């Protein structure tokens, strides 16, 4: 059985890092204390529904995604693929437009 706090902690940390946010920056975005974010990310605190909504909004995801097992990894992988493809396209365009 999967512990809901562990899933929340892992997903929250994964999404936060994907956006390049520190715990402190996320805390500022949701108007909470930095140590509160740390408590959630180690599974020692479970936020209220209102706070979960704030966290999800700050992490640019839908609230249920905070609790989806493996969903975060799949979504981040897809985001990385899109970024890589965009980078490749930019490089190709640069090569095509730069004089030899």
PDB file of N, CA and C in Angstrom:
ATOM      1  N   UNK A   1       0.849  -1.191   0.000  1.00  0.00           N
ATOM      2  CA  UNK A   1       0.000   0.000   0.000  1.00  0.00           C
ATOM      3  C   UNK A   1       0.889   1.247   0.000  1.00  0.00           C
ATOM      4  N   UNK A   2       0.469   2.233  -0.760  1.00  0.00           N
ATOM      5  CA  UNK A   2       1.227   3.474  -0.866  1.00  0.00           C
ATOM      6  C   UNK A   2       0.694   4.483   0.138  1.00  0.00           C
ATOM      7  N   UNK A   3       1.606   5.102   0.862  1.00  0.00           N
ATOM      8  CA  UNK A   3       1.243   6.132   1.832  1.00  0.00           C
ATOM      9  C   UNK A   3       1.024   7.447   1.089  1.00  0.00           C
ATOM     10  N   UNK A   4      -0.136   8.043   1.298  1.00  0.00           N
ATOM     11  CA  UNK A   4      -0.498   9.279   0.594  1.00  0.00           C
ATOM     12  C   UNK A   4       0.497  10.403   0.872  1.00  0.00           C
ATOM     13  N   UNK A   5       1.039  10.431   2.076  1.00  0.00           N
ATOM     14  CA  UNK A   5       2.019  11.475   2.409  1.00  0.00           C
ATOM     15  C   UNK A   5       3.307  11.296   1.614  1.00  0.00           C
ATOM     16  N   UNK A   6       3.707  10.054   1.416  1.00  0.00           N
ATOM     17  CA  UNK A   6       4.924   9.785   0.647  1.00  0.00           C
ATOM     18  C   UNK A   6       4.736  10.182  -0.816  1.00  0.00           C
ATOM     19  N   UNK A   7       3.578   9.872  -1.361  1.00  0.00           N
ATOM     20  CA  UNK A   7       3.289  10.239  -2.750  1.00  0.00           C
ATOM     21  C   UNK A   7       3.281  11.758  -2.898  1.00  0.00           C
ATOM     22  N   UNK A   8       2.586  12.435  -2.001  1.00  0.00           N
ATOM     23  CA  UNK A   8       2.542  13.899  -2.028  1.00  0.00           C
ATOM     24  C   UNK A   8       3.946  14.473  -1.909  1.00  0.00           C
ATOM     25  N   UNK A   9       4.710  13.968  -0.964  1.00  0.00           N
ATOM     26  CA  UNK A   9       6.066  14.474  -0.738  1.00  0.00           C
ATOM     27  C   UNK A   9       6.930  14.319  -1.983  1.00  0.00           C
ATOM     28  N   UNK A  10       6.905  13.135  -2.572  1.00  0.00           N
ATOM     29  CA  UNK A  10       7.739  12.872  -3.752  1.00  0.00           C
ATOM     30  C   UNK A  10       7.311  13.725  -4.944  1.00  0.00           C
ATOM     31  N   UNK A  11       6.001  13.794  -5.197  1.00  0.00           N
ATOM     32  CA  UNK A  11       5.510  14.569  -6.336  1.00  0.00           C
ATOM     33  C   UNK A  11       5.761  16.059  -6.161  1.00  0.00           C
ATOM     34  N   UNK A  12       5.518  16.551  -4.969  1.00  0.00           N
ATOM     35  CA  UNK A  12       5.711  17.969  -4.713  1.00  0.00           C
ATOM     36  C   UNK A  12       7.178  18.356  -4.934  1.00  0.00           C
ATOM     37  N   UNK A  13       8.069  17.553  -4.418  1.00  0.00           N
ATOM     38  CA  UNK A  13       9.495  17.824  -4.573  1.00  0.00           C
ATOM     39  C   UNK A  13       9.907  17.743  -6.045  1.00  0.00           C
ATOM     40  N   UNK A  14       9.403  16.760  -6.750  1.00  0.00           N
ATOM     41  CA  UNK A  14       9.725  16.580  -8.162  1.00  0.00           C
ATOM     42  C   UNK A  14       9.261  17.773  -8.993  1.00  0.00           C
ATOM     43  N   UNK A  15       8.007  18.185  -8.808  1.00  0.00           N
ATOM     44  CA  UNK A  15       7.475  19.323  -9.558  1.00  0.00           C
ATOM     45  C   UNK A  15       8.185  20.618  -9.172  1.00  0.00           C
ATOM     46  N   UNK A  16       8.471  20.788  -7.890  1.00  0.00           N
ATOM     47  CA  UNK A  16       9.157  22.002  -7.423  1.00  0.00           C
ATOM     48  C   UNK A  16      10.525  22.117  -8.078  1.00  0.00           C
ATOM     49  N   UNK A  17      11.270  21.022  -8.063  1.00  0.00           N
ATOM     50  CA  UNK A  17      12.607  21.045  -8.652  1.00  0.00           C
ATOM     51  C   UNK A  17      12.555  21.240 -10.163  1.00  0.00           C
ATOM     52  N   UNK A  18      11.539  20.670 -10.809  1.00  0.00           N
ATOM     53  CA  UNK A  18      11.394  20.835 -12.256  1.00  0.00           C
ATOM     54  C   UNK A  18      11.206  22.296 -12.639  1.00  0.00           C
ATOM     55  N   UNK A  19      10.596  23.056 -11.761  1.00  0.00           N
ATOM     56  CA  UNK A  19      10.404  24.487 -12.004  1.00  0.00           C
ATOM     57  C   UNK A  19      11.582  25.323 -11.514  1.00  0.00           C
ATOM     58  N   UNK A  20      12.552  24.657 -10.893  1.00  0.00           N
ATOM     59  CA  UNK A  20      13.720  25.377 -10.388  1.00  0.00           C
ATOM     60  C   UNK A  20      13.426  26.184  -9.144  1.00  0.00           C
ATOM     61  N   UNK A  21      12.432  25.750  -8.390  1.00  0.00           N
ATOM     62  CA  UNK A  21      12.054  26.470  -7.169  1.00  0.00           C
ATOM     63  C   UNK A  21      12.706  25.849  -5.939  1.00  0.00           C
ATOM     64  N   UNK A  22      13.237  26.678  -5.080  1.00  0.00           N
ATOM     65  CA  UNK A  22      13.696  26.203  -3.780  1.00  0.00           C
ATOM     66  C   UNK A  22      12.467  26.061  -2.878  1.00  0.00           C
ATOM     67  N   UNK A  23      12.641  25.411  -1.750  1.00  0.00           N
ATOM     68  CA  UNK A  23      11.536  25.321  -0.794  1.00  0.00           C
ATOM     69  C   UNK A  23      11.123  26.722  -0.353  1.00  0.00           C
ATOM     70  N   UNK A  24      12.097  27.591  -0.184  1.00  0.00           N
ATOM     71  CA  UNK A  24      11.813  28.959   0.243  1.00  0.00           C
ATOM     72  C   UNK A  24      10.997  29.725  -0.793  1.00  0.00           C
ATOM     73  N   UNK A  25      11.359  29.578  -2.073  1.00  0.00           N
ATOM     74  CA  UNK A  25      10.620  30.275  -3.129  1.00  0.00           C
ATOM     75  C   UNK A  25       9.193  29.752  -3.244  1.00  0.00           C
ATOM     76  N   UNK A  26       9.030  28.441  -3.106  1.00  0.00           N
ATOM     77  CA  UNK A  26       7.679  27.884  -3.131  1.00  0.00           C
ATOM     78  C   UNK A  26       6.879  28.402  -1.943  1.00  0.00           C
ATOM     79  N   UNK A  27       7.512  28.448  -0.794  1.00  0.00           N
ATOM     80  CA  UNK A  27       6.834  28.947   0.409  1.00  0.00           C
ATOM     81  C   UNK A  27       6.347  30.380   0.209  1.00  0.00           C
ATOM     82  N   UNK A  28       7.166  31.205  -0.404  1.00  0.00           N
ATOM     83  CA  UNK A  28       6.783  32.594  -0.668  1.00  0.00           C
ATOM     84  C   UNK A  28       5.581  32.632  -1.611  1.00  0.00           C
ATOM     85  N   UNK A  29       5.607  31.793  -2.653  1.00  0.00           N
ATOM     86  CA  UNK A  29       4.515  31.775  -3.634  1.00  0.00           C
ATOM     87  C   UNK A  29       3.179  31.378  -3.019  1.00  0.00           C
ATOM     88  N   UNK A  30       3.220  30.528  -1.988  1.00  0.00           N
ATOM     89  CA  UNK A  30       1.961  30.076  -1.385  1.00  0.00           C
ATOM     90  C   UNK A  30       1.699  30.717  -0.032  1.00  0.00           C
ATOM     91  N   UNK A  31       2.541  31.672   0.327  1.00  0.00           N
ATOM     92  CA  UNK A  31       2.396  32.396   1.592  1.00  0.00           C
ATOM     93  C   UNK A  31       2.445  31.436   2.789  1.00  0.00           C
ATOM     94  N   UNK A  32       3.517  30.679   2.856  1.00  0.00           N
ATOM     95  CA  UNK A  32       3.707  29.720   3.951  1.00  0.00           C
ATOM     96  C   UNK A  32       5.154  29.796   4.422  1.00  0.00           C
ATOM     97  N   UNK A  33       5.427  29.183   5.540  1.00  0.00           N
ATOM     98  CA  UNK A  33       6.781  29.149   6.084  1.00  0.00           C
ATOM     99  C   UNK A  33       7.612  28.108   5.334  1.00  0.00           C
ATOM    100  N   UNK A  34       8.910  28.388   5.164  1.00  0.00           N
ATOM    101  CA  UNK A  34       9.799  27.469   4.465  1.00  0.00           C
ATOM    102  C   UNK A  34       9.806  26.106   5.151  1.00  0.00           C
ATOM    103  N   UNK A  35       9.820  26.099   6.469  1.00  0.00           N
ATOM    104  CA  UNK A  35       9.874  24.810   7.174  1.00  0.00           C
ATOM    105  C   UNK A  35       8.592  24.004   6.963  1.00  0.00           C
ATOM    106  N   UNK A  36       7.491  24.666   6.632  1.00  0.00           N
ATOM    107  CA  UNK A  36       6.243  23.956   6.341  1.00  0.00           C
ATOM    108  C   UNK A  36       6.402  23.124   5.064  1.00  0.00           C
ATOM    109  N   UNK A  37       7.053  23.702   4.064  1.00  0.00           N
ATOM    110  CA  UNK A  37       7.311  22.982   2.805  1.00  0.00           C
ATOM    111  C   UNK A  37       8.200  21.773   3.104  1.00  0.00           C
ATOM    112  N   UNK A  38       9.217  21.973   3.909  1.00  0.00           N
ATOM    113  CA  UNK A  38      10.119  20.873   4.262  1.00  0.00           C
ATOM    114  C   UNK A  38       9.358  19.756   4.970  1.00  0.00           C
ATOM    115  N   UNK A  39       8.456  20.107   5.868  1.00  0.00           N
ATOM    116  CA  UNK A  39       7.671  19.099   6.598  1.00  0.00           C
ATOM    117  C   UNK A  39       6.790  18.285   5.647  1.00  0.00           C
ATOM    118  N   UNK A  40       6.227  18.950   4.669  1.00  0.00           N
ATOM    119  CA  UNK A  40       5.399  18.236   3.689  1.00  0.00           C
ATOM    120  C   UNK A  40       6.278  17.296   2.865  1.00  0.00           C
ATOM    121  N   UNK A  41       7.439  17.792   2.438  1.00  0.00           N
ATOM    122  CA  UNK A  41       8.304  17.017   1.551  1.00  0.00           C
ATOM    123  C   UNK A  41       9.004  15.847   2.236  1.00  0.00           C
ATOM    124  N   UNK A  42       8.964  15.796   3.549  1.00  0.00           N
ATOM    125  CA  UNK A  42       9.488  14.613   4.248  1.00  0.00           C
ATOM    126  C   UNK A  42       8.348  13.753   4.788  1.00  0.00           C
ATOM    127  N   UNK A  43       7.123  14.140   4.462  1.00  0.00           N
ATOM    128  CA  UNK A  43       5.966  13.339   4.837  1.00  0.00           C
ATOM    129  C   UNK A  43       5.483  13.511   6.257  1.00  0.00           C
ATOM    130  N   UNK A  44       5.899  14.587   6.908  1.00  0.00           N
ATOM    131  CA  UNK A  44       5.489  14.801   8.305  1.00  0.00           C
ATOM    132  C   UNK A  44       4.268  15.700   8.441  1.00  0.00           C
ATOM    133  N   UNK A  45       3.843  16.302   7.344  1.00  0.00           N
ATOM    134  CA  UNK A  45       2.678  17.183   7.392  1.00  0.00           C
ATOM    135  C   UNK A  45       1.816  16.937   6.167  1.00  0.00           C
ATOM    136  N   UNK A  46       0.519  16.991   6.359  1.00  0.00           N
ATOM    137  CA  UNK A  46      -0.428  16.855   5.254  1.00  0.00           C
ATOM    138  C   UNK A  46      -1.240  18.149   5.190  1.00  0.00           C
ATOM    139  N   UNK A  47      -1.078  18.913   4.119  1.00  0.00           N
ATOM    140  CA  UNK A  47      -1.737  20.221   4.011  1.00  0.00           C
ATOM    141  C   UNK A  47      -3.257  20.111   3.898  1.00  0.00           C
ATOM    142  N   UNK A  48      -3.905  21.207   4.206  1.00  0.00           N
ATOM    143  CA  UNK A  48      -5.356  21.304   4.041  1.00  0.00           C
ATOM    144  C   UNK A  48      -5.684  21.324   2.552  1.00  0.00           C
ATOM    145  N   UNK A  49      -6.944  21.146   2.237  1.00  0.00           N
ATOM    146  CA  UNK A  49      -7.378  21.179   0.839  1.00  0.00           C
ATOM    147  C   UNK A  49      -7.060  22.532   0.204  1.00  0.00           C
ATOM    148  N   UNK A  50      -7.283  23.598   0.927  1.00  0.00           N
ATOM    149  CA  UNK A  50      -7.003  24.948   0.415  1.00  0.00           C
ATOM    150  C   UNK A  50      -5.519  25.113   0.121  1.00  0.00           C
ATOM    151  N   UNK A  51      -4.677  24.617   1.032  1.00  0.00           N
ATOM    152  CA  UNK A  51      -3.233  24.727   0.839  1.00  0.00           C
ATOM    153  C   UNK A  51      -2.772  23.849  -0.327  1.00  0.00           C
ATOM    154  N   UNK A  52      -3.381  22.682  -0.492  1.00  0.00           N
ATOM    155  CA  UNK A  52      -3.049  21.818  -1.626  1.00  0.00           C
ATOM    156  C   UNK A  52      -3.339  22.519  -2.945  1.00  0.00           C
ATOM    157  N   UNK A  53      -4.448  23.250  -2.986  1.00  0.00           N
ATOM    158  CA  UNK A  53      -4.788  24.011  -4.184  1.00  0.00           C
ATOM    159  C   UNK A  53      -3.740  25.086  -4.465  1.00  0.00           C
ATOM    160  N   UNK A  54      -3.288  25.768  -3.425  1.00  0.00           N
ATOM    161  CA  UNK A  54      -2.262  26.801  -3.585  1.00  0.00           C
ATOM    162  C   UNK A  54      -0.951  26.192  -4.082  1.00  0.00           C
ATOM    163  N   UNK A  55      -0.591  25.057  -3.496  1.00  0.00           N
ATOM    164  CA  UNK A  55       0.646  24.380  -3.887  1.00  0.00           C
ATOM    165  C   UNK A  55       0.570  23.961  -5.353  1.00  0.00           C
ATOM    166  N   UNK A  56      -0.525  23.336  -5.737  1.00  0.00           N
ATOM    167  CA  UNK A  56      -0.690  22.881  -7.122  1.00  0.00           C
ATOM    168  C   UNK A  56      -0.623  24.066  -8.085  1.00  0.00           C
ATOM    169  N   UNK A  57      -1.294  25.145  -7.760  1.00  0.00           N
ATOM    170  CA  UNK A  57      -1.277  26.336  -8.614  1.00  0.00           C
ATOM    171  C   UNK A  57       0.151  26.851  -8.765  1.00  0.00           C
ATOM    172  N   UNK A  58       0.884  26.920  -7.662  1.00  0.00           N
ATOM    173  CA  UNK A  58       2.268  27.403  -7.692  1.00  0.00           C
ATOM    174  C   UNK A  58       3.169  26.472  -8.498  1.00  0.00           C
ATOM    175  N   UNK A  59       2.842  25.183  -8.501  1.00  0.00           N
ATOM    176  CA  UNK A  59       3.638  24.199  -9.236  1.00  0.00           C
ATOM    177  C   UNK A  59       3.140  23.996 -10.670  1.00  0.00           C
ATOM    178  N   UNK A  60       2.110  24.771 -11.034  1.00  0.00           N
ATOM    179  CA  UNK A  60       1.561  24.768 -12.399  1.00  0.00           C
ATOM    180  C   UNK A  60       1.001  23.406 -12.806  1.00  0.00           C
ATOM    181  N   UNK A  61       0.304  22.774 -11.871  1.00  0.00           N
ATOM    182  CA  UNK A  61      -0.332  21.479 -12.123  1.00  0.00           C
ATOM    183  C   UNK A  61      -1.739  21.500 -11.544  1.00  0.00           C
ATOM    184  N   UNK A  62      -2.523  20.482 -11.881  1.00  0.00           N
ATOM    185  CA  UNK A  62      -3.833  20.317 -11.270  1.00  0.00           C
ATOM    186  C   UNK A  62      -3.646  19.620  -9.925  1.00  0.00           C
ATOM    187  N   UNK A  63      -4.457  19.974  -8.960  1.00  0.00           N
ATOM    188  CA  UNK A  63      -4.316  19.439  -7.603  1.00  0.00           C
ATOM    189  C   UNK A  63      -4.231  17.914  -7.548  1.00  0.00           C
ATOM    190  N   UNK A  64      -5.068  17.170  -8.265  1.00  0.00           N
ATOM    191  CA  UNK A  64      -4.977  15.702  -8.178  1.00  0.00           C
ATOM    192  C   UNK A  64      -3.612  15.137  -8.581  1.00  0.00           C
ATOM    193  N   UNK A  65      -2.873  15.870  -9.417  1.00  0.00           N
ATOM    194  CA  UNK A  65      -1.561  15.376  -9.847  1.00  0.00           C
ATOM    195  C   UNK A  65      -0.578  15.248  -8.689  1.00  0.00           C
ATOM    196  N   UNK A  66      -0.843  15.953  -7.602  1.00  0.00           N
ATOM    197  CA  UNK A  66       0.016  15.838  -6.430  1.00  0.00           C
ATOM    198  C   UNK A  66      -0.043  14.439  -5.818  1.00  0.00           C
ATOM    199  N   UNK A  67      -1.098  13.701  -6.123  1.00  0.00           N
ATOM    200  CA  UNK A  67      -1.308  12.394  -5.495  1.00  0.00           C
ATOM    201  C   UNK A  67      -1.239  11.226  -6.468  1.00  0.00           C
ATOM    202  N   UNK A  68      -0.858  11.478  -7.704  1.00  0.00           N
ATOM    203  CA  UNK A  68      -0.822  10.412  -8.699  1.00  0.00           C
ATOM    204  C   UNK A  68       0.529   9.705  -8.667  1.00  0.00           C
ATOM    205  N   UNK A  69       0.481   8.423  -8.400  1.00  0.00           N
ATOM    206  CA  UNK A  69       1.695   7.624  -8.357  1.00  0.00           C
ATOM    207  C   UNK A  69       2.260   7.526  -9.766  1.00  0.00           C
ATOM    208  N   UNK A  70       3.511   7.855  -9.912  1.00  0.00           N
ATOM    209  CA  UNK A  70       4.258   7.813 -11.166  1.00  0.00           C
ATOM    210  C   UNK A  70       3.817   8.849 -12.191  1.00  0.00           C
ATOM    211  N   UNK A  71       2.732   9.535 -11.981  1.00  0.00           N
ATOM    212  CA  UNK A  71       2.262  10.543 -12.935  1.00  0.00           C
ATOM    213  C   UNK A  71       3.283  11.672 -13.075  1.00  0.00           C
ATOM    214  N   UNK A  72       3.861  12.077 -11.978  1.00  0.00           N
ATOM    215  CA  UNK A  72       4.808  13.189 -12.021  1.00  0.00           C
ATOM    216  C   UNK A  72       6.002  12.843 -12.900  1.00  0.00           C
ATOM    217  N   UNK A  73       6.522  11.639 -12.762  1.00  0.00           N
ATOM    218  CA  UNK A  73       7.676  11.243 -13.556  1.00  0.00           C
ATOM    219  C   UNK A  73       7.337  11.200 -15.039  1.00  0.00           C
ATOM    220  N   UNK A  74       6.166  10.705 -15.379  1.00  0.00           N
ATOM    221  CA  UNK A  74       5.746  10.643 -16.771  1.00  0.00           C
ATOM    222  C   UNK A  74       5.601  12.051 -17.337  1.00  0.00           C
ATOM    223  N   UNK A  75       4.954  12.920 -16.599  1.00  0.00           N
ATOM    224  CA  UNK A  75       4.742  14.290 -17.071  1.00  0.00           C
ATOM    225  C   UNK A  75       6.066  15.033 -17.261  1.00  0.00           C
ATOM    226  N   UNK A  76       6.980  14.855 -16.319  1.00  0.00           N
ATOM    227  CA  UNK A  76       8.266  15.526 -16.435  1.00  0.00           C
ATOM    228  C   UNK A  76       9.092  14.965 -17.591  1.00  0.00           C
ATOM    229  N   UNK A  77       8.992  13.672 -17.831  1.00  0.00           N
ATOM    230  CA  UNK A  77       9.684  13.065 -18.962  1.00  0.00           C
ATOM    231  C   UNK A  77       9.150  13.656 -20.264  1.00  0.00           C
ATOM    232  N   UNK A  78       7.834  13.786 -20.370  1.00  0.00           N
ATOM    233  CA  UNK A  78       7.236  14.373 -21.569  1.00  0.00           C
ATOM    234  C   UNK A  78       7.684  15.817 -21.749  1.00  0.00           C
ATOM    235  N   UNK A  79       7.773  16.545 -20.652  1.00  0.00           N
ATOM    236  CA  UNK A  79       8.217  17.943 -20.710  1.00  0.00           C
ATOM    237  C   UNK A  79       9.669  18.019 -21.186  1.00  0.00           C
ATOM    238  N   UNK A  80      10.514  17.118 -20.687  1.00  0.00           N
ATOM    239  CA  UNK A  80      11.912  17.076 -21.114  1.00  0.00           C
ATOM    240  C   UNK A  80      12.018  16.775 -22.607  1.00  0.00           C
ATOM    241  N   UNK A  81      11.206  15.820 -23.084  1.00  0.00           N
ATOM    242  CA  UNK A  81      11.221  15.484 -24.510  1.00  0.00           C
ATOM    243  C   UNK A  81      10.854  16.696 -25.351  1.00  0.00           C
ATOM    244  N   UNK A  82       9.831  17.412 -24.936  1.00  0.00           N
ATOM    245  CA  UNK A  82       9.410  18.598 -25.688  1.00  0.00           C
ATOM    246  C   UNK A  82      10.509  19.649 -25.700  1.00  0.00           C
ATOM    247  N   UNK A  83      11.178  19.815 -24.569  1.00  0.00           N
ATOM    248  CA  UNK A  83      12.268  20.786 -24.486  1.00  0.00           C
ATOM    249  C   UNK A  83      13.420  20.381 -25.392  1.00  0.00           C
ATOM    250  N   UNK A  84      13.760  19.109 -25.374  1.00  0.00           N
ATOM    251  CA  UNK A  84      14.843  18.608 -26.228  1.00  0.00           C
ATOM    252  C   UNK A  84      14.491  18.806 -27.700  1.00  0.00           C
ATOM    253  N   UNK A  85      13.265  18.473 -28.075  1.00  0.00           N
ATOM    254  CA  UNK A  85      12.847  18.645 -29.468  1.00  0.00           C
ATOM    255  C   UNK A  85      12.882  20.118 -29.882  1.00  0.00           C
ATOM    256  N   UNK A  86      12.465  20.986 -28.986  1.00  0.00           N
ATOM    257  CA  UNK A  86      12.498  22.417 -29.283  1.00  0.00           C
ATOM    258  C   UNK A  86      13.940  22.900 -29.448  1.00  0.00           C
ATOM    259  N   UNK A  87      14.833  22.400 -28.606  1.00  0.00           N
ATOM    260  CA  UNK A  87      16.256  22.761 -28.715  1.00  0.00           C
ATOM    261  C   UNK A  87      16.842  22.281 -30.034  1.00  0.00           C
ATOM    262  N   UNK A  88      16.498  21.067 -30.428  1.00  0.00           N
ATOM    263  CA  UNK A  88      16.982  20.512 -31.698  1.00  0.00           C
ATOM    264  C   UNK A  88      16.471  21.349 -32.862  1.00  0.00           C
ATOM    265  N   UNK A  89      15.194  21.705 -32.803  1.00  0.00           N
ATOM    266  CA  UNK A  89      14.613  22.530 -33.867  1.00  0.00           C
ATOM    267  C   UNK A  89      15.313  23.877 -33.955  1.00  0.00           C
ATOM    268  N   UNK A  90      15.609  24.479 -32.823  1.00  0.00           N
ATOM    269  CA  UNK A  90      16.313  25.761 -32.800  1.00  0.00           C
ATOM    270  C   UNK A  90      17.698  25.627 -33.410  1.00  0.00           C
ATOM    271  N   UNK A  91      18.408  24.555 -33.063  1.00  0.00           N
ATOM    272  CA  UNK A  91      19.741  24.332 -33.625  1.00  0.00           C
ATOM    273  C   UNK A  91      19.692  24.124 -35.135  1.00  0.00           C
ATOM    274  N   UNK A  92      18.717  23.376 -35.584  1.00  0.00           N
ATOM    275  CA  UNK A  92      18.573  23.140 -37.027  1.00  0.00           C
ATOM    276  C   UNK A  92      18.274  24.447 -37.748  1.00  0.00           C
ATOM    277  N   UNK A  93      17.359  25.232 -37.210  1.00  0.00           N
ATOM    278  CA  UNK A  93      17.026  26.515 -37.831  1.00  0.00           C
ATOM    279  C   UNK A  93      18.243  27.430 -37.886  1.00  0.00           C
ATOM    280  N   UNK A  94      19.032  27.420 -36.813  1.00  0.00           N
ATOM    281  CA  UNK A  94      20.245  28.254 -36.774  1.00  0.00           C
ATOM    282  C   UNK A  94      21.227  27.800 -37.846  1.00  0.00           C
ATOM    283  N   UNK A  95      21.401  26.495 -37.984  1.00  0.00           N
ATOM    284  CA  UNK A  95      22.305  25.954 -38.996  1.00  0.00           C
ATOM    285  C   UNK A  95      21.842  26.296 -40.396  1.00  0.00           C
ATOM    286  N   UNK A  96      20.537  26.290 -40.601  1.00  0.00           N
ATOM    287  CA  UNK A  96      19.996  26.576 -41.925  1.00  0.00           C
ATOM    288  C   UNK A  96      20.093  28.059 -42.286  1.00  0.00           C
ATOM    289  N   UNK A  97      20.058  28.921 -41.300  1.00  0.00           N
ATOM    290  CA  UNK A  97      20.056  30.364 -41.567  1.00  0.00           C
ATOM    291  C   UNK A  97      21.436  31.004 -41.446  1.00  0.00           C
ATOM    292  N   UNK A  98      22.373  30.362 -40.776  1.00  0.00           N
ATOM    293  CA  UNK A  98      23.726  30.911 -40.653  1.00  0.00           C
ATOM    294  C   UNK A  98      24.497  30.685 -41.947  1.00  0.00           C
ATOM    295  N   UNK A  99      25.183  31.730 -42.429  1.00  0.00           N
ATOM    296  CA  UNK A  99      25.992  31.541 -43.624  1.00  0.00           C
ATOM    297  C   UNK A  99      27.197  30.655 -43.298  1.00  0.00           C
ATOM    298  N   UNK A 100      27.638  29.942 -44.281  1.00  0.00           N
ATOM    299  CA  UNK A 100      28.774  29.025 -44.099  1.00  0.00           C
ATOM    300  C   UNK A 100      30.059  29.735 -43.938  1.00  0.00           C
TER     301      UNK A 100
END
